C-alpha atoms as a PDB file:
ATOM      1  CA  MET A   1       9.357  -5.841  33.422  1.00  0.00           C
ATOM      2  CA  THR A   2      12.940  -6.194  32.256  1.00  0.00           C
ATOM      3  CA  ILE A   3      15.660  -4.596  34.344  1.00  0.00           C
ATOM      4  CA  ASN A   4      19.010  -3.862  32.779  1.00  0.00           C
ATOM      5  CA  ILE A   5      21.607  -5.415  35.079  1.00  0.00           C
ATOM      6  CA  SER A   6      24.422  -3.253  33.744  1.00  0.00           C
ATOM      7  CA  SER A   7      22.702   0.035  34.583  1.00  0.00           C
ATOM      8  CA  GLN A   8      21.560  -1.275  37.965  1.00  0.00           C
ATOM      9  CA  VAL A   9      25.105  -2.272  38.929  1.00  0.00           C
ATOM     10  CA  LYS A  10      26.464   1.089  37.768  1.00  0.00           C
ATOM     11  CA  ASP A  11      23.775   3.016  39.665  1.00  0.00           C
ATOM     12  CA  LEU A  12      24.313   1.033  42.872  1.00  0.00           C
ATOM     13  CA  ARG A  13      28.098   1.429  42.619  1.00  0.00           C
ATOM     14  CA  LYS A  14      27.695   5.182  42.280  1.00  0.00           C
ATOM     15  CA  LYS A  15      25.216   5.313  45.191  1.00  0.00           C
ATOM     16  CA  ILE A  16      27.791   3.770  47.517  1.00  0.00           C
ATOM     17  CA  GLY A  17      30.336   6.292  46.245  1.00  0.00           C
ATOM     18  CA  LEU A  18      32.943   4.036  44.690  1.00  0.00           C
ATOM     19  CA  THR A  19      34.849   4.517  41.458  1.00  0.00           C
ATOM     20  CA  GLN A  20      35.094   1.585  39.088  1.00  0.00           C
ATOM     21  CA  ILE A  21      38.658   0.958  40.265  1.00  0.00           C
ATOM     22  CA  GLU A  22      37.731   1.007  43.962  1.00  0.00           C
ATOM     23  CA  PHE A  23      34.673  -1.162  43.409  1.00  0.00           C
ATOM     24  CA  ALA A  24      36.535  -3.751  41.340  1.00  0.00           C
ATOM     25  CA  LYS A  25      39.238  -4.033  44.014  1.00  0.00           C
ATOM     26  CA  ARG A  26      36.732  -4.425  46.861  1.00  0.00           C
ATOM     27  CA  VAL A  27      34.674  -7.007  45.004  1.00  0.00           C
ATOM     28  CA  GLY A  28      37.695  -8.908  43.735  1.00  0.00           C
ATOM     29  CA  VAL A  29      36.975  -8.647  40.024  1.00  0.00           C
ATOM     30  CA  GLY A  30      39.030  -7.090  37.273  1.00  0.00           C
ATOM     31  CA  LEU A  31      38.479  -3.527  36.164  1.00  0.00           C
ATOM     32  CA  ARG A  32      38.012  -4.711  32.579  1.00  0.00           C
ATOM     33  CA  PHE A  33      35.245  -7.075  33.663  1.00  0.00           C
ATOM     34  CA  LEU A  34      33.452  -4.327  35.593  1.00  0.00           C
ATOM     35  CA  ARG A  35      33.693  -1.884  32.692  1.00  0.00           C
ATOM     36  CA  GLU A  36      32.308  -4.471  30.289  1.00  0.00           C
ATOM     37  CA  LEU A  37      29.506  -5.327  32.717  1.00  0.00           C
ATOM     38  CA  GLU A  38      28.510  -1.688  33.138  1.00  0.00           C
ATOM     39  CA  GLN A  39      28.628  -1.182  29.370  1.00  0.00           C
ATOM     40  CA  GLY A  40      26.193  -4.051  28.889  1.00  0.00           C
ATOM     41  CA  LYS A  41      28.494  -6.617  27.296  1.00  0.00           C
ATOM     42  CA  THR A  42      26.414  -9.754  26.894  1.00  0.00           C
ATOM     43  CA  THR A  43      29.159 -12.328  27.430  1.00  0.00           C
ATOM     44  CA  VAL A  44      30.242 -11.632  31.007  1.00  0.00           C
ATOM     45  CA  ARG A  45      31.141 -14.517  33.299  1.00  0.00           C
ATOM     46  CA  MET A  46      28.264 -15.551  35.516  1.00  0.00           C
ATOM     47  CA  ASP A  47      30.482 -16.342  38.512  1.00  0.00           C
ATOM     48  CA  LYS A  48      31.933 -12.838  38.481  1.00  0.00           C
ATOM     49  CA  LEU A  49      28.495 -11.301  37.978  1.00  0.00           C
ATOM     50  CA  MET A  50      27.261 -13.196  41.037  1.00  0.00           C
ATOM     51  CA  GLN A  51      30.285 -11.919  42.991  1.00  0.00           C
ATOM     52  CA  VAL A  52      29.329  -8.321  42.109  1.00  0.00           C
ATOM     53  CA  LEU A  53      25.665  -8.859  42.970  1.00  0.00           C
ATOM     54  CA  ASP A  54      26.571 -10.500  46.271  1.00  0.00           C
ATOM     55  CA  PHE A  55      28.758  -7.534  47.222  1.00  0.00           C
ATOM     56  CA  LEU A  56      25.854  -5.192  46.467  1.00  0.00           C
ATOM     57  CA  GLY A  57      23.441  -7.318  48.494  1.00  0.00           C
ATOM     58  CA  CYS A  58      21.463  -8.263  45.381  1.00  0.00           C
ATOM     59  CA  TYR A  59      20.505 -11.535  43.766  1.00  0.00           C
ATOM     60  CA  LEU A  60      19.533 -12.727  40.325  1.00  0.00           C
ATOM     61  CA  GLU A  61      16.160 -14.342  39.888  1.00  0.00           C
ATOM     62  CA  ILE A  62      15.047 -16.053  36.705  1.00  0.00           C
ATOM     63  CA  LYS A  63      11.335 -16.579  36.214  1.00  0.00           C
ATOM     64  CA  LYS A  64       9.589 -18.650  33.650  1.00  0.00           C
ATOM     65  CA  LYS A  65       6.969 -16.754  31.653  1.00  0.00           C
END
């Protein structure tokens, strides 16, 4: 099953009650980056993505088929 990271991040951000601006400041990433991530832009920086996931208490796992 494929999970869309962008929608998961957006949903989790909303569940903790933070706006994009508040979330970006707390995580330490730019607002532009967060907006692009939540919109599903495919060329986001992995280090910043990991920063967001770490803040949310999530991790990225890659499995071989």
